[in-house]
Amino acid sequence: MAYKITDACVGCGACAAQCPVEAIKDGAKYEIDADKCVGCGACAAQCPVEAIKED
């Protein structure tokens, strides 16, 4: 199951640094590429504002 980044994202980049498959890209808001996401949850575990949810 893929994850998605909600509007609560503060742009800190902690999630991208933890992604083992580099599925998170920087932009106006961080985004997860659902095709690359393996559903490991590493990003959600690192998010300080709990902005990453299962899709």
N, C-alpha and C. Protein backbone atom coordinates (compact mmCIF):
# COMPACT_ATOMS: atom_id res chain seq x y z
N MET A 1 0.84 -1.18 0.00
CA MET A 1 0.00 0.00 0.00
C MET A 1 0.89 1.25 0.00
N ALA A 2 0.59 2.16 -0.88
CA ALA A 2 1.37 3.39 -0.99
C ALA A 2 0.96 4.39 0.08
N TYR A 3 1.84 5.32 0.32
CA TYR A 3 1.60 6.40 1.27
C TYR A 3 1.44 7.70 0.50
N LYS A 4 0.84 8.70 1.15
CA LYS A 4 0.75 10.02 0.54
C LYS A 4 1.06 11.06 1.59
N ILE A 5 1.54 12.21 1.13
CA ILE A 5 1.89 13.31 2.01
C ILE A 5 0.74 14.31 1.99
N THR A 6 0.22 14.62 3.17
CA THR A 6 -0.92 15.53 3.28
C THR A 6 -0.46 16.99 3.31
N ASP A 7 -1.43 17.89 3.36
CA ASP A 7 -1.14 19.32 3.40
C ASP A 7 -0.48 19.74 4.71
N ALA A 8 -0.41 18.85 5.68
CA ALA A 8 0.25 19.18 6.95
C ALA A 8 1.77 19.21 6.82
N CYS A 9 2.28 18.79 5.67
CA CYS A 9 3.73 18.76 5.42
C CYS A 9 4.35 20.13 5.64
N VAL A 10 5.47 20.15 6.39
CA VAL A 10 6.18 21.40 6.65
C VAL A 10 7.45 21.52 5.80
N GLY A 11 7.69 20.55 4.92
CA GLY A 11 8.82 20.63 3.99
C GLY A 11 10.17 20.40 4.60
N CYS A 12 10.26 19.65 5.68
CA CYS A 12 11.55 19.46 6.35
C CYS A 12 12.48 18.48 5.63
N GLY A 13 11.92 17.57 4.84
CA GLY A 13 12.73 16.62 4.07
C GLY A 13 13.13 15.35 4.81
N ALA A 14 12.69 15.19 6.04
CA ALA A 14 13.05 13.99 6.81
C ALA A 14 12.56 12.72 6.12
N CYS A 15 11.42 12.79 5.50
CA CYS A 15 10.85 11.61 4.83
C CYS A 15 11.70 11.18 3.64
N ALA A 16 12.10 12.14 2.83
CA ALA A 16 12.88 11.83 1.63
C ALA A 16 14.21 11.18 1.99
N ALA A 17 14.81 11.63 3.07
CA ALA A 17 16.09 11.07 3.50
C ALA A 17 15.95 9.61 3.94
N GLN A 18 14.77 9.20 4.36
CA GLN A 18 14.56 7.84 4.85
C GLN A 18 14.05 6.86 3.79
N CYS A 19 13.60 7.35 2.66
CA CYS A 19 13.00 6.48 1.64
C CYS A 19 14.05 5.59 0.98
N PRO A 20 13.93 4.26 1.13
CA PRO A 20 14.93 3.35 0.57
C PRO A 20 14.86 3.21 -0.96
N VAL A 21 13.76 3.63 -1.56
CA VAL A 21 13.62 3.50 -3.01
C VAL A 21 13.55 4.86 -3.71
N GLU A 22 13.86 5.93 -2.97
CA GLU A 22 13.87 7.29 -3.52
C GLU A 22 12.57 7.65 -4.24
N ALA A 23 11.44 7.33 -3.58
CA ALA A 23 10.13 7.60 -4.16
C ALA A 23 9.58 8.97 -3.80
N ILE A 24 10.30 9.72 -2.96
CA ILE A 24 9.81 11.03 -2.52
C ILE A 24 10.60 12.13 -3.20
N LYS A 25 9.85 13.04 -3.84
CA LYS A 25 10.53 14.13 -4.53
C LYS A 25 10.15 15.47 -3.92
N ASP A 26 11.11 16.36 -3.96
CA ASP A 26 10.95 17.71 -3.44
C ASP A 26 10.24 18.55 -4.49
N GLY A 27 9.48 19.50 -4.02
CA GLY A 27 8.79 20.42 -4.89
C GLY A 27 8.20 21.51 -4.04
N ALA A 28 7.12 22.11 -4.49
CA ALA A 28 6.43 23.10 -3.66
C ALA A 28 6.00 22.41 -2.37
N LYS A 29 5.70 21.13 -2.51
CA LYS A 29 5.37 20.26 -1.38
C LYS A 29 6.00 18.90 -1.71
N TYR A 30 6.47 18.20 -0.71
CA TYR A 30 7.04 16.88 -0.99
C TYR A 30 5.94 15.96 -1.49
N GLU A 31 6.26 15.07 -2.43
CA GLU A 31 5.29 14.15 -3.00
C GLU A 31 5.89 12.75 -3.08
N ILE A 32 5.04 11.75 -2.92
CA ILE A 32 5.46 10.35 -3.03
C ILE A 32 4.98 9.80 -4.36
N ASP A 33 5.89 9.23 -5.12
CA ASP A 33 5.55 8.57 -6.39
C ASP A 33 4.96 7.21 -6.04
N ALA A 34 3.66 7.05 -6.22
CA ALA A 34 2.96 5.82 -5.84
C ALA A 34 3.48 4.61 -6.61
N ASP A 35 4.00 4.82 -7.81
CA ASP A 35 4.53 3.71 -8.60
C ASP A 35 5.84 3.18 -8.03
N LYS A 36 6.60 4.03 -7.35
CA LYS A 36 7.87 3.62 -6.76
C LYS A 36 7.72 3.17 -5.31
N CYS A 37 6.73 3.70 -4.61
CA CYS A 37 6.54 3.43 -3.18
C CYS A 37 6.32 1.94 -2.94
N VAL A 38 7.07 1.38 -1.99
CA VAL A 38 6.94 -0.04 -1.65
C VAL A 38 6.15 -0.25 -0.37
N GLY A 39 5.63 0.84 0.21
CA GLY A 39 4.78 0.75 1.38
C GLY A 39 5.48 0.36 2.66
N CYS A 40 6.75 0.66 2.78
CA CYS A 40 7.51 0.24 3.96
C CYS A 40 7.20 1.08 5.20
N GLY A 41 6.75 2.32 5.01
CA GLY A 41 6.39 3.17 6.12
C GLY A 41 7.54 3.92 6.77
N ALA A 42 8.74 3.80 6.22
CA ALA A 42 9.90 4.49 6.80
C ALA A 42 9.69 6.00 6.81
N CYS A 43 9.08 6.52 5.79
CA CYS A 43 8.84 7.96 5.70
C CYS A 43 7.88 8.42 6.79
N ALA A 44 6.79 7.69 6.96
CA ALA A 44 5.79 8.06 7.97
C ALA A 44 6.38 8.02 9.37
N ALA A 45 7.25 7.07 9.62
CA ALA A 45 7.87 6.95 10.94
C ALA A 45 8.77 8.14 11.26
N GLN A 46 9.34 8.77 10.23
CA GLN A 46 10.26 9.88 10.43
C GLN A 46 9.58 11.25 10.44
N CYS A 47 8.34 11.33 9.99
CA CYS A 47 7.67 12.62 9.85
C CYS A 47 7.36 13.23 11.22
N PRO A 48 7.93 14.42 11.50
CA PRO A 48 7.72 15.04 12.81
C PRO A 48 6.32 15.62 13.02
N VAL A 49 5.56 15.81 11.93
CA VAL A 49 4.22 16.37 12.06
C VAL A 49 3.13 15.39 11.63
N GLU A 50 3.50 14.14 11.46
CA GLU A 50 2.56 13.07 11.08
C GLU A 50 1.75 13.43 9.83
N ALA A 51 2.44 13.97 8.82
CA ALA A 51 1.79 14.40 7.59
C ALA A 51 1.69 13.31 6.55
N ILE A 52 2.24 12.12 6.84
CA ILE A 52 2.24 11.04 5.86
C ILE A 52 1.27 9.95 6.30
N LYS A 53 0.33 9.64 5.41
CA LYS A 53 -0.74 8.68 5.72
C LYS A 53 -0.78 7.60 4.66
N GLU A 54 -1.31 6.43 5.03
CA GLU A 54 -1.52 5.37 4.05
C GLU A 54 -2.62 5.82 3.10
N ASP A 55 -2.41 5.57 1.82
CA ASP A 55 -3.38 5.98 0.80
C ASP A 55 -4.41 4.91 0.58
